[in-house]
Amino acid sequence: MIDQQRAEKALDFLAHTDESCAKARSYMLGLEKNEKTILSIEILKVDGTQQHKESIARTSQPYVDWVKQYQEAVYDFEILRNRRGTAELIVEAWRSVNANRRAGNIT
């Protein structure tokens, strides 16, 4: 059963993570936009066929670094989004239990 203290903790978490969730998503989306730029810069540094250039670009250190940053950004955002989703479920469950108590369905 979810008690009032747990519901309050969940509400507090939701109230204080709006900005950090937005920042995590914005960072992740910004990194998505950077992929093509990084690839283009790396492709311009190499001579050869387009396939060769792209292969070299995708194995370059700047691109490998970008992939790692992007993976970390997605992870950070998804963890925060999942925790916020859990907090929302806790609040909804608490509200439902309390509504049933008021209606006399739960003692």
PDB file of N, CA and C in Angstrom:
ATOM      1  N   MET A   1       0.849  -1.175   0.000  1.00  0.00           N
ATOM      2  CA  MET A   1       0.000   0.000   0.000  1.00  0.00           C
ATOM      3  C   MET A   1       0.896   1.240   0.000  1.00  0.00           C
ATOM      4  N   ILE A   2       0.473   2.240  -0.696  1.00  0.00           N
ATOM      5  CA  ILE A   2       1.237   3.480  -0.782  1.00  0.00           C
ATOM      6  C   ILE A   2       0.700   4.448   0.270  1.00  0.00           C
ATOM      7  N   ASP A   3       1.600   4.879   1.158  1.00  0.00           N
ATOM      8  CA  ASP A   3       1.168   5.807   2.200  1.00  0.00           C
ATOM      9  C   ASP A   3       1.376   7.256   1.761  1.00  0.00           C
ATOM     10  N   GLN A   4       0.886   8.158   2.568  1.00  0.00           N
ATOM     11  CA  GLN A   4       0.937   9.581   2.225  1.00  0.00           C
ATOM     12  C   GLN A   4       2.371  10.082   2.119  1.00  0.00           C
ATOM     13  N   GLN A   5       3.235   9.583   2.971  1.00  0.00           N
ATOM     14  CA  GLN A   5       4.635  10.019   2.944  1.00  0.00           C
ATOM     15  C   GLN A   5       5.294   9.652   1.608  1.00  0.00           C
ATOM     16  N   ARG A   6       5.018   8.453   1.106  1.00  0.00           N
ATOM     17  CA  ARG A   6       5.594   8.026  -0.176  1.00  0.00           C
ATOM     18  C   ARG A   6       5.019   8.857  -1.323  1.00  0.00           C
ATOM     19  N   ALA A   7       3.728   9.167  -1.239  1.00  0.00           N
ATOM     20  CA  ALA A   7       3.096  10.003  -2.268  1.00  0.00           C
ATOM     21  C   ALA A   7       3.680  11.411  -2.250  1.00  0.00           C
ATOM     22  N   GLU A   8       3.900  11.952  -1.065  1.00  0.00           N
ATOM     23  CA  GLU A   8       4.496  13.293  -0.956  1.00  0.00           C
ATOM     24  C   GLU A   8       5.916  13.312  -1.511  1.00  0.00           C
ATOM     25  N   LYS A   9       6.653  12.240  -1.229  1.00  0.00           N
ATOM     26  CA  LYS A   9       8.015  12.142  -1.760  1.00  0.00           C
ATOM     27  C   LYS A   9       7.989  12.108  -3.288  1.00  0.00           C
ATOM     28  N   ALA A  10       7.049  11.361  -3.845  1.00  0.00           N
ATOM     29  CA  ALA A  10       6.918  11.278  -5.302  1.00  0.00           C
ATOM     30  C   ALA A  10       6.543  12.637  -5.893  1.00  0.00           C
ATOM     31  N   LEU A  11       5.602  13.325  -5.264  1.00  0.00           N
ATOM     32  CA  LEU A  11       5.208  14.661  -5.732  1.00  0.00           C
ATOM     33  C   LEU A  11       6.372  15.643  -5.661  1.00  0.00           C
ATOM     34  N   ASP A  12       7.135  15.558  -4.592  1.00  0.00           N
ATOM     35  CA  ASP A  12       8.292  16.436  -4.430  1.00  0.00           C
ATOM     36  C   ASP A  12       9.314  16.162  -5.536  1.00  0.00           C
ATOM     37  N   PHE A  13       9.531  14.895  -5.834  1.00  0.00           N
ATOM     38  CA  PHE A  13      10.456  14.533  -6.905  1.00  0.00           C
ATOM     39  C   PHE A  13       9.991  15.111  -8.237  1.00  0.00           C
ATOM     40  N   LEU A  14       8.705  14.950  -8.526  1.00  0.00           N
ATOM     41  CA  LEU A  14       8.163  15.493  -9.777  1.00  0.00           C
ATOM     42  C   LEU A  14       8.320  17.007  -9.839  1.00  0.00           C
ATOM     43  N   ALA A  15       8.032  17.655  -8.739  1.00  0.00           N
ATOM     44  CA  ALA A  15       8.096  19.119  -8.702  1.00  0.00           C
ATOM     45  C   ALA A  15       9.518  19.646  -8.892  1.00  0.00           C
ATOM     46  N   HIS A  16      10.503  18.863  -8.481  1.00  0.00           N
ATOM     47  CA  HIS A  16      11.885  19.345  -8.528  1.00  0.00           C
ATOM     48  C   HIS A  16      12.709  18.785  -9.685  1.00  0.00           C
ATOM     49  N   THR A  17      12.098  18.029 -10.569  1.00  0.00           N
ATOM     50  CA  THR A  17      12.872  17.464 -11.678  1.00  0.00           C
ATOM     51  C   THR A  17      12.399  17.932 -13.050  1.00  0.00           C
ATOM     52  N   ASP A  18      11.488  18.874 -13.092  1.00  0.00           N
ATOM     53  CA  ASP A  18      11.032  19.396 -14.383  1.00  0.00           C
ATOM     54  C   ASP A  18      12.202  19.939 -15.192  1.00  0.00           C
ATOM     55  N   GLU A  19      12.987  20.784 -14.573  1.00  0.00           N
ATOM     56  CA  GLU A  19      14.088  21.433 -15.288  1.00  0.00           C
ATOM     57  C   GLU A  19      15.186  20.443 -15.662  1.00  0.00           C
ATOM     58  N   SER A  20      15.552  19.571 -14.739  1.00  0.00           N
ATOM     59  CA  SER A  20      16.624  18.623 -15.060  1.00  0.00           C
ATOM     60  C   SER A  20      16.190  17.647 -16.152  1.00  0.00           C
ATOM     61  N   CYS A  21      14.922  17.284 -16.179  1.00  0.00           N
ATOM     62  CA  CYS A  21      14.417  16.407 -17.233  1.00  0.00           C
ATOM     63  C   CYS A  21      14.468  17.133 -18.581  1.00  0.00           C
ATOM     64  N   ALA A  22      14.070  18.387 -18.583  1.00  0.00           N
ATOM     65  CA  ALA A  22      14.111  19.185 -19.816  1.00  0.00           C
ATOM     66  C   ALA A  22      15.552  19.355 -20.303  1.00  0.00           C
ATOM     67  N   LYS A  23      16.473  19.604 -19.383  1.00  0.00           N
ATOM     68  CA  LYS A  23      17.880  19.760 -19.767  1.00  0.00           C
ATOM     69  C   LYS A  23      18.440  18.463 -20.337  1.00  0.00           C
ATOM     70  N   ALA A  24      18.097  17.347 -19.721  1.00  0.00           N
ATOM     71  CA  ALA A  24      18.593  16.056 -20.207  1.00  0.00           C
ATOM     72  C   ALA A  24      18.076  15.783 -21.614  1.00  0.00           C
ATOM     73  N   ARG A  25      16.803  16.075 -21.839  1.00  0.00           N
ATOM     74  CA  ARG A  25      16.225  15.851 -23.173  1.00  0.00           C
ATOM     75  C   ARG A  25      16.831  16.817 -24.194  1.00  0.00           C
ATOM     76  N   SER A  26      17.012  18.056 -23.802  1.00  0.00           N
ATOM     77  CA  SER A  26      17.577  19.049 -24.709  1.00  0.00           C
ATOM     78  C   SER A  26      19.017  18.695 -25.078  1.00  0.00           C
ATOM     79  N   TYR A  27      19.784  18.213 -24.117  1.00  0.00           N
ATOM     80  CA  TYR A  27      21.167  17.801 -24.396  1.00  0.00           C
ATOM     81  C   TYR A  27      21.182  16.624 -25.369  1.00  0.00           C
ATOM     82  N   MET A  28      20.310  15.656 -25.131  1.00  0.00           N
ATOM     83  CA  MET A  28      20.221  14.484 -25.994  1.00  0.00           C
ATOM     84  C   MET A  28      19.845  14.896 -27.423  1.00  0.00           C
ATOM     85  N   LEU A  29      18.838  15.739 -27.563  1.00  0.00           N
ATOM     86  CA  LEU A  29      18.403  16.178 -28.893  1.00  0.00           C
ATOM     87  C   LEU A  29      19.471  17.020 -29.584  1.00  0.00           C
ATOM     88  N   GLY A  30      20.189  17.834 -28.809  1.00  0.00           N
ATOM     89  CA  GLY A  30      21.282  18.621 -29.380  1.00  0.00           C
ATOM     90  C   GLY A  30      22.383  17.734 -29.931  1.00  0.00           C
ATOM     91  N   LEU A  31      22.696  16.674 -29.194  1.00  0.00           N
ATOM     92  CA  LEU A  31      23.699  15.734 -29.678  1.00  0.00           C
ATOM     93  C   LEU A  31      23.240  15.049 -30.962  1.00  0.00           C
ATOM     94  N   GLU A  32      21.951  14.738 -31.048  1.00  0.00           N
ATOM     95  CA  GLU A  32      21.430  14.128 -32.281  1.00  0.00           C
ATOM     96  C   GLU A  32      21.700  15.025 -33.481  1.00  0.00           C
ATOM     97  N   LYS A  33      21.516  16.320 -33.293  1.00  0.00           N
ATOM     98  CA  LYS A  33      21.740  17.274 -34.384  1.00  0.00           C
ATOM     99  C   LYS A  33      23.222  17.344 -34.769  1.00  0.00           C
ATOM    100  N   ASN A  34      24.111  17.095 -33.822  1.00  0.00           N
ATOM    101  CA  ASN A  34      25.550  17.198 -34.086  1.00  0.00           C
ATOM    102  C   ASN A  34      26.121  16.037 -34.884  1.00  0.00           C
ATOM    103  N   GLU A  35      25.416  14.937 -34.959  1.00  0.00           N
ATOM    104  CA  GLU A  35      25.964  13.756 -35.630  1.00  0.00           C
ATOM    105  C   GLU A  35      26.358  14.057 -37.070  1.00  0.00           C
ATOM    106  N   LYS A  36      25.458  14.647 -37.833  1.00  0.00           N
ATOM    107  CA  LYS A  36      25.739  14.910 -39.245  1.00  0.00           C
ATOM    108  C   LYS A  36      26.909  15.881 -39.418  1.00  0.00           C
ATOM    109  N   THR A  37      27.003  16.849 -38.531  1.00  0.00           N
ATOM    110  CA  THR A  37      28.101  17.815 -38.604  1.00  0.00           C
ATOM    111  C   THR A  37      29.436  17.121 -38.367  1.00  0.00           C
ATOM    112  N   ILE A  38      29.488  16.285 -37.340  1.00  0.00           N
ATOM    113  CA  ILE A  38      30.732  15.577 -37.027  1.00  0.00           C
ATOM    114  C   ILE A  38      31.115  14.659 -38.187  1.00  0.00           C
ATOM    115  N   LEU A  39      30.148  13.919 -38.695  1.00  0.00           N
ATOM    116  CA  LEU A  39      30.439  13.036 -39.833  1.00  0.00           C
ATOM    117  C   LEU A  39      30.928  13.824 -41.040  1.00  0.00           C
ATOM    118  N   SER A  40      30.272  14.922 -41.337  1.00  0.00           N
ATOM    119  CA  SER A  40      30.661  15.739 -42.495  1.00  0.00           C
ATOM    120  C   SER A  40      32.085  16.260 -42.362  1.00  0.00           C
ATOM    121  N   ILE A  41      32.412  16.757 -41.196  1.00  0.00           N
ATOM    122  CA  ILE A  41      33.772  17.273 -40.962  1.00  0.00           C
ATOM    123  C   ILE A  41      34.803  16.160 -41.152  1.00  0.00           C
ATOM    124  N   GLU A  42      34.507  14.996 -40.611  1.00  0.00           N
ATOM    125  CA  GLU A  42      35.445  13.875 -40.724  1.00  0.00           C
ATOM    126  C   GLU A  42      35.536  13.361 -42.161  1.00  0.00           C
ATOM    127  N   ILE A  43      34.442  13.364 -42.891  1.00  0.00           N
ATOM    128  CA  ILE A  43      34.448  12.931 -44.300  1.00  0.00           C
ATOM    129  C   ILE A  43      35.297  13.867 -45.141  1.00  0.00           C
ATOM    130  N   LEU A  44      35.228  15.160 -44.860  1.00  0.00           N
ATOM    131  CA  LEU A  44      36.008  16.136 -45.624  1.00  0.00           C
ATOM    132  C   LEU A  44      37.515  15.967 -45.433  1.00  0.00           C
ATOM    133  N   LYS A  45      37.924  15.325 -44.362  1.00  0.00           N
ATOM    134  CA  LYS A  45      39.353  15.140 -44.085  1.00  0.00           C
ATOM    135  C   LYS A  45      39.969  13.980 -44.871  1.00  0.00           C
ATOM    136  N   VAL A  46      39.128  13.160 -45.523  1.00  0.00           N
ATOM    137  CA  VAL A  46      39.594  11.917 -46.134  1.00  0.00           C
ATOM    138  C   VAL A  46      39.388  11.939 -47.650  1.00  0.00           C
ATOM    139  N   ASP A  47      40.334  11.352 -48.358  1.00  0.00           N
ATOM    140  CA  ASP A  47      40.193  11.169 -49.809  1.00  0.00           C
ATOM    141  C   ASP A  47      39.718   9.748 -50.086  1.00  0.00           C
ATOM    142  N   GLY A  48      39.081   9.559 -51.214  1.00  0.00           N
ATOM    143  CA  GLY A  48      38.653   8.226 -51.614  1.00  0.00           C
ATOM    144  C   GLY A  48      37.181   8.212 -51.976  1.00  0.00           C
ATOM    145  N   THR A  49      36.651   7.015 -52.085  1.00  0.00           N
ATOM    146  CA  THR A  49      35.237   6.878 -52.430  1.00  0.00           C
ATOM    147  C   THR A  49      34.371   7.330 -51.261  1.00  0.00           C
ATOM    148  N   GLN A  50      33.117   7.578 -51.557  1.00  0.00           N
ATOM    149  CA  GLN A  50      32.197   8.015 -50.501  1.00  0.00           C
ATOM    150  C   GLN A  50      32.086   6.956 -49.403  1.00  0.00           C
ATOM    151  N   GLN A  51      32.041   5.694 -49.824  1.00  0.00           N
ATOM    152  CA  GLN A  51      31.943   4.609 -48.843  1.00  0.00           C
ATOM    153  C   GLN A  51      33.185   4.561 -47.957  1.00  0.00           C
ATOM    154  N   HIS A  52      34.358   4.733 -48.557  1.00  0.00           N
ATOM    155  CA  HIS A  52      35.607   4.749 -47.796  1.00  0.00           C
ATOM    156  C   HIS A  52      35.635   5.933 -46.828  1.00  0.00           C
ATOM    157  N   LYS A  53      35.257   7.106 -47.320  1.00  0.00           N
ATOM    158  CA  LYS A  53      35.236   8.305 -46.484  1.00  0.00           C
ATOM    159  C   LYS A  53      34.317   8.116 -45.283  1.00  0.00           C
ATOM    160  N   GLU A  54      33.126   7.563 -45.542  1.00  0.00           N
ATOM    161  CA  GLU A  54      32.165   7.378 -44.456  1.00  0.00           C
ATOM    162  C   GLU A  54      32.668   6.348 -43.445  1.00  0.00           C
ATOM    163  N   SER A  55      33.300   5.296 -43.932  1.00  0.00           N
ATOM    164  CA  SER A  55      33.858   4.279 -43.033  1.00  0.00           C
ATOM    165  C   SER A  55      34.918   4.890 -42.120  1.00  0.00           C
ATOM    166  N   ILE A  56      35.785   5.671 -42.705  1.00  0.00           N
ATOM    167  CA  ILE A  56      36.836   6.325 -41.917  1.00  0.00           C
ATOM    168  C   ILE A  56      36.211   7.307 -40.930  1.00  0.00           C
ATOM    169  N   ALA A  57      35.225   8.079 -41.386  1.00  0.00           N
ATOM    170  CA  ALA A  57      34.580   9.078 -40.523  1.00  0.00           C
ATOM    171  C   ALA A  57      33.891   8.421 -39.332  1.00  0.00           C
ATOM    172  N   ARG A  58      33.228   7.287 -39.577  1.00  0.00           N
ATOM    173  CA  ARG A  58      32.497   6.608 -38.492  1.00  0.00           C
ATOM    174  C   ARG A  58      33.414   5.900 -37.497  1.00  0.00           C
ATOM    175  N   THR A  59      34.668   5.761 -37.843  1.00  0.00           N
ATOM    176  CA  THR A  59      35.621   5.176 -36.900  1.00  0.00           C
ATOM    177  C   THR A  59      36.586   6.217 -36.337  1.00  0.00           C
ATOM    178  N   SER A  60      36.391   7.471 -36.711  1.00  0.00           N
ATOM    179  CA  SER A  60      37.268   8.533 -36.218  1.00  0.00           C
ATOM    180  C   SER A  60      37.015   8.788 -34.729  1.00  0.00           C
ATOM    181  N   GLN A  61      38.012   9.311 -34.061  1.00  0.00           N
ATOM    182  CA  GLN A  61      37.877   9.571 -32.623  1.00  0.00           C
ATOM    183  C   GLN A  61      36.770  10.580 -32.309  1.00  0.00           C
ATOM    184  N   PRO A  62      36.628  11.674 -33.077  1.00  0.00           N
ATOM    185  CA  PRO A  62      35.521  12.590 -32.774  1.00  0.00           C
ATOM    186  C   PRO A  62      34.155  11.921 -32.873  1.00  0.00           C
ATOM    187  N   TYR A  63      33.981  11.037 -33.857  1.00  0.00           N
ATOM    188  CA  TYR A  63      32.687  10.367 -33.998  1.00  0.00           C
ATOM    189  C   TYR A  63      32.492   9.340 -32.884  1.00  0.00           C
ATOM    190  N   VAL A  64      33.522   8.588 -32.568  1.00  0.00           N
ATOM    191  CA  VAL A  64      33.435   7.611 -31.474  1.00  0.00           C
ATOM    192  C   VAL A  64      33.110   8.324 -30.166  1.00  0.00           C
ATOM    193  N   ASP A  65      33.733   9.474 -29.945  1.00  0.00           N
ATOM    194  CA  ASP A  65      33.436  10.273 -28.740  1.00  0.00           C
ATOM    195  C   ASP A  65      31.984  10.736 -28.743  1.00  0.00           C
ATOM    196  N   TRP A  66      31.506  11.155 -29.908  1.00  0.00           N
ATOM    197  CA  TRP A  66      30.115  11.589 -30.024  1.00  0.00           C
ATOM    198  C   TRP A  66      29.171  10.445 -29.680  1.00  0.00           C
ATOM    199  N   VAL A  67      29.435   9.252 -30.201  1.00  0.00           N
ATOM    200  CA  VAL A  67      28.576   8.093 -29.925  1.00  0.00           C
ATOM    201  C   VAL A  67      28.499   7.846 -28.424  1.00  0.00           C
ATOM    202  N   LYS A  68      29.637   7.911 -27.758  1.00  0.00           N
ATOM    203  CA  LYS A  68      29.663   7.684 -26.303  1.00  0.00           C
ATOM    204  C   LYS A  68      28.858   8.761 -25.578  1.00  0.00           C
ATOM    205  N   GLN A  69      29.055  10.008 -25.948  1.00  0.00           N
ATOM    206  CA  GLN A  69      28.300  11.114 -25.332  1.00  0.00           C
ATOM    207  C   GLN A  69      26.806  10.943 -25.562  1.00  0.00           C
ATOM    208  N   TYR A  70      26.447  10.566 -26.767  1.00  0.00           N
ATOM    209  CA  TYR A  70      25.033  10.398 -27.100  1.00  0.00           C
ATOM    210  C   TYR A  70      24.419   9.264 -26.286  1.00  0.00           C
ATOM    211  N   GLN A  71      25.125   8.151 -26.196  1.00  0.00           N
ATOM    212  CA  GLN A  71      24.619   7.022 -25.411  1.00  0.00           C
ATOM    213  C   GLN A  71      24.419   7.429 -23.952  1.00  0.00           C
ATOM    214  N   GLU A  72      25.353   8.158 -23.390  1.00  0.00           N
ATOM    215  CA  GLU A  72      25.239   8.613 -22.002  1.00  0.00           C
ATOM    216  C   GLU A  72      24.078   9.585 -21.836  1.00  0.00           C
ATOM    217  N   ALA A  73      23.887  10.463 -22.812  1.00  0.00           N
ATOM    218  CA  ALA A  73      22.791  11.425 -22.746  1.00  0.00           C
ATOM    219  C   ALA A  73      21.440  10.727 -22.804  1.00  0.00           C
ATOM    220  N   VAL A  74      21.319   9.734 -23.684  1.00  0.00           N
ATOM    221  CA  VAL A  74      20.069   8.977 -23.788  1.00  0.00           C
ATOM    222  C   VAL A  74      19.823   8.233 -22.479  1.00  0.00           C
ATOM    223  N   TYR A  75      20.850   7.623 -21.932  1.00  0.00           N
ATOM    224  CA  TYR A  75      20.733   6.903 -20.661  1.00  0.00           C
ATOM    225  C   TYR A  75      20.257   7.839 -19.548  1.00  0.00           C
ATOM    226  N   ASP A  76      20.915   8.988 -19.419  1.00  0.00           N
ATOM    227  CA  ASP A  76      20.544   9.945 -18.371  1.00  0.00           C
ATOM    228  C   ASP A  76      19.097  10.398 -18.515  1.00  0.00           C
ATOM    229  N   PHE A  77      18.695  10.706 -19.743  1.00  0.00           N
ATOM    230  CA  PHE A  77      17.323  11.150 -19.970  1.00  0.00           C
ATOM    231  C   PHE A  77      16.327  10.038 -19.673  1.00  0.00           C
ATOM    232  N   GLU A  78      16.600   8.839 -20.150  1.00  0.00           N
ATOM    233  CA  GLU A  78      15.664   7.731 -19.953  1.00  0.00           C
ATOM    234  C   GLU A  78      15.525   7.365 -18.479  1.00  0.00           C
ATOM    235  N   ILE A  79      16.610   7.392 -17.733  1.00  0.00           N
ATOM    236  CA  ILE A  79      16.538   7.117 -16.287  1.00  0.00           C
ATOM    237  C   ILE A  79      15.637   8.146 -15.619  1.00  0.00           C
ATOM    238  N   LEU A  80      15.848   9.408 -15.918  1.00  0.00           N
ATOM    239  CA  LEU A  80      15.037  10.465 -15.319  1.00  0.00           C
ATOM    240  C   LEU A  80      13.581  10.346 -15.745  1.00  0.00           C
ATOM    241  N   ARG A  81      13.344  10.071 -17.014  1.00  0.00           N
ATOM    242  CA  ARG A  81      11.978   9.922 -17.501  1.00  0.00           C
ATOM    243  C   ARG A  81      11.293   8.727 -16.843  1.00  0.00           C
ATOM    244  N   ASN A  82      12.004   7.627 -16.693  1.00  0.00           N
ATOM    245  CA  ASN A  82      11.420   6.451 -16.042  1.00  0.00           C
ATOM    246  C   ASN A  82      11.110   6.714 -14.571  1.00  0.00           C
ATOM    247  N   ARG A  83      12.013   7.386 -13.883  1.00  0.00           N
ATOM    248  CA  ARG A  83      11.774   7.708 -12.463  1.00  0.00           C
ATOM    249  C   ARG A  83      10.578   8.639 -12.304  1.00  0.00           C
ATOM    250  N   ARG A  84      10.459   9.593 -13.220  1.00  0.00           N
ATOM    251  CA  ARG A  84       9.304  10.495 -13.171  1.00  0.00           C
ATOM    252  C   ARG A  84       8.013   9.719 -13.460  1.00  0.00           C
ATOM    253  N   GLY A  85       8.070   8.773 -14.377  1.00  0.00           N
ATOM    254  CA  GLY A  85       6.903   7.951 -14.670  1.00  0.00           C
ATOM    255  C   GLY A  85       6.492   7.126 -13.461  1.00  0.00           C
ATOM    256  N   THR A  86       7.469   6.577 -12.767  1.00  0.00           N
ATOM    257  CA  THR A  86       7.188   5.811 -11.555  1.00  0.00           C
ATOM    258  C   THR A  86       6.559   6.710 -10.493  1.00  0.00           C
ATOM    259  N   ALA A  87       7.090   7.896 -10.335  1.00  0.00           N
ATOM    260  CA  ALA A  87       6.538   8.835  -9.354  1.00  0.00           C
ATOM    261  C   ALA A  87       5.097   9.191  -9.711  1.00  0.00           C
ATOM    262  N   GLU A  88       4.810   9.374 -10.980  1.00  0.00           N
ATOM    263  CA  GLU A  88       3.441   9.674 -11.400  1.00  0.00           C
ATOM    264  C   GLU A  88       2.498   8.515 -11.074  1.00  0.00           C
ATOM    265  N   LEU A  89       2.970   7.295 -11.297  1.00  0.00           N
ATOM    266  CA  LEU A  89       2.151   6.125 -10.962  1.00  0.00           C
ATOM    267  C   LEU A  89       1.883   6.031  -9.460  1.00  0.00           C
ATOM    268  N   ILE A  90       2.883   6.339  -8.662  1.00  0.00           N
ATOM    269  CA  ILE A  90       2.718   6.314  -7.204  1.00  0.00           C
ATOM    270  C   ILE A  90       1.667   7.323  -6.781  1.00  0.00           C
ATOM    271  N   VAL A  91       1.729   8.522  -7.317  1.00  0.00           N
ATOM    272  CA  VAL A  91       0.749   9.555  -6.971  1.00  0.00           C
ATOM    273  C   VAL A  91      -0.649   9.118  -7.401  1.00  0.00           C
ATOM    274  N   GLU A  92      -0.769   8.584  -8.592  1.00  0.00           N
ATOM    275  CA  GLU A  92      -2.083   8.139  -9.069  1.00  0.00           C
ATOM    276  C   GLU A  92      -2.636   7.000  -8.217  1.00  0.00           C
ATOM    277  N   ALA A  93      -1.774   6.067  -7.835  1.00  0.00           N
ATOM    278  CA  ALA A  93      -2.224   4.960  -6.985  1.00  0.00           C
ATOM    279  C   ALA A  93      -2.675   5.484  -5.626  1.00  0.00           C
ATOM    280  N   TRP A  94      -1.916   6.415  -5.080  1.00  0.00           N
ATOM    281  CA  TRP A  94      -2.275   7.001  -3.784  1.00  0.00           C
ATOM    282  C   TRP A  94      -3.615   7.731  -3.881  1.00  0.00           C
ATOM    283  N   ARG A  95      -3.808   8.461  -4.962  1.00  0.00           N
ATOM    284  CA  ARG A  95      -5.084   9.171  -5.153  1.00  0.00           C
ATOM    285  C   ARG A  95      -6.243   8.180  -5.251  1.00  0.00           C
ATOM    286  N   SER A  96      -6.036   7.093  -5.954  1.00  0.00           N
ATOM    287  CA  SER A  96      -7.077   6.089  -6.114  1.00  0.00           C
ATOM    288  C   SER A  96      -7.428   5.440  -4.776  1.00  0.00           C
ATOM    289  N   VAL A  97      -6.408   5.093  -4.012  1.00  0.00           N
ATOM    290  CA  VAL A  97      -6.641   4.491  -2.694  1.00  0.00           C
ATOM    291  C   VAL A  97      -7.405   5.456  -1.806  1.00  0.00           C
ATOM    292  N   ASN A  98      -7.029   6.705  -1.813  1.00  0.00           N
ATOM    293  CA  ASN A  98      -7.710   7.688  -0.963  1.00  0.00           C
ATOM    294  C   ASN A  98      -9.142   7.946  -1.418  1.00  0.00           C
ATOM    295  N   ALA A  99      -9.363   7.932  -2.717  1.00  0.00           N
ATOM    296  CA  ALA A  99     -10.732   8.096  -3.224  1.00  0.00           C
ATOM    297  C   ALA A  99     -11.589   6.921  -2.769  1.00  0.00           C
ATOM    298  N   ASN A 100     -11.039   5.729  -2.819  1.00  0.00           N
ATOM    299  CA  ASN A 100     -11.778   4.552  -2.358  1.00  0.00           C
ATOM    300  C   ASN A 100     -12.018   4.604  -0.850  1.00  0.00           C
ATOM    301  N   ARG A 101     -11.075   5.114  -0.094  1.00  0.00           N
ATOM    302  CA  ARG A 101     -11.290   5.258   1.355  1.00  0.00           C
ATOM    303  C   ARG A 101     -12.438   6.225   1.639  1.00  0.00           C
ATOM    304  N   ARG A 102     -12.414   7.345   0.917  1.00  0.00           N
ATOM    305  CA  ARG A 102     -13.476   8.339   1.136  1.00  0.00           C
ATOM    306  C   ARG A 102     -14.846   7.768   0.761  1.00  0.00           C
ATOM    307  N   ALA A 103     -14.855   6.910  -0.235  1.00  0.00           N
ATOM    308  CA  ALA A 103     -16.127   6.301  -0.672  1.00  0.00           C
ATOM    309  C   ALA A 103     -16.539   5.133   0.227  1.00  0.00           C
ATOM    310  N   GLY A 104     -15.646   4.754   1.158  1.00  0.00           N
ATOM    311  CA  GLY A 104     -15.958   3.672   2.084  1.00  0.00           C
ATOM    312  C   GLY A 104     -15.656   2.300   1.540  1.00  0.00           C
ATOM    313  N   ASN A 105     -14.933   2.235   0.440  1.00  0.00           N
ATOM    314  CA  ASN A 105     -14.607   0.939  -0.160  1.00  0.00           C
ATOM    315  C   ASN A 105     -13.387   0.266   0.451  1.00  0.00           C
ATOM    316  N   ILE A 106     -12.556   1.037   1.160  1.00  0.00           N
ATOM    317  CA  ILE A 106     -11.357   0.525   1.800  1.00  0.00           C
ATOM    318  C   ILE A 106     -11.347   1.016   3.243  1.00  0.00           C
ATOM    319  N   THR A 107     -10.959   0.151   4.144  1.00  0.00           N
ATOM    320  CA  THR A 107     -10.869   0.548   5.565  1.00  0.00           C
ATOM    321  C   THR A 107      -9.474   0.872   5.941  1.00  0.00           C
TER     322      THR A 107
END
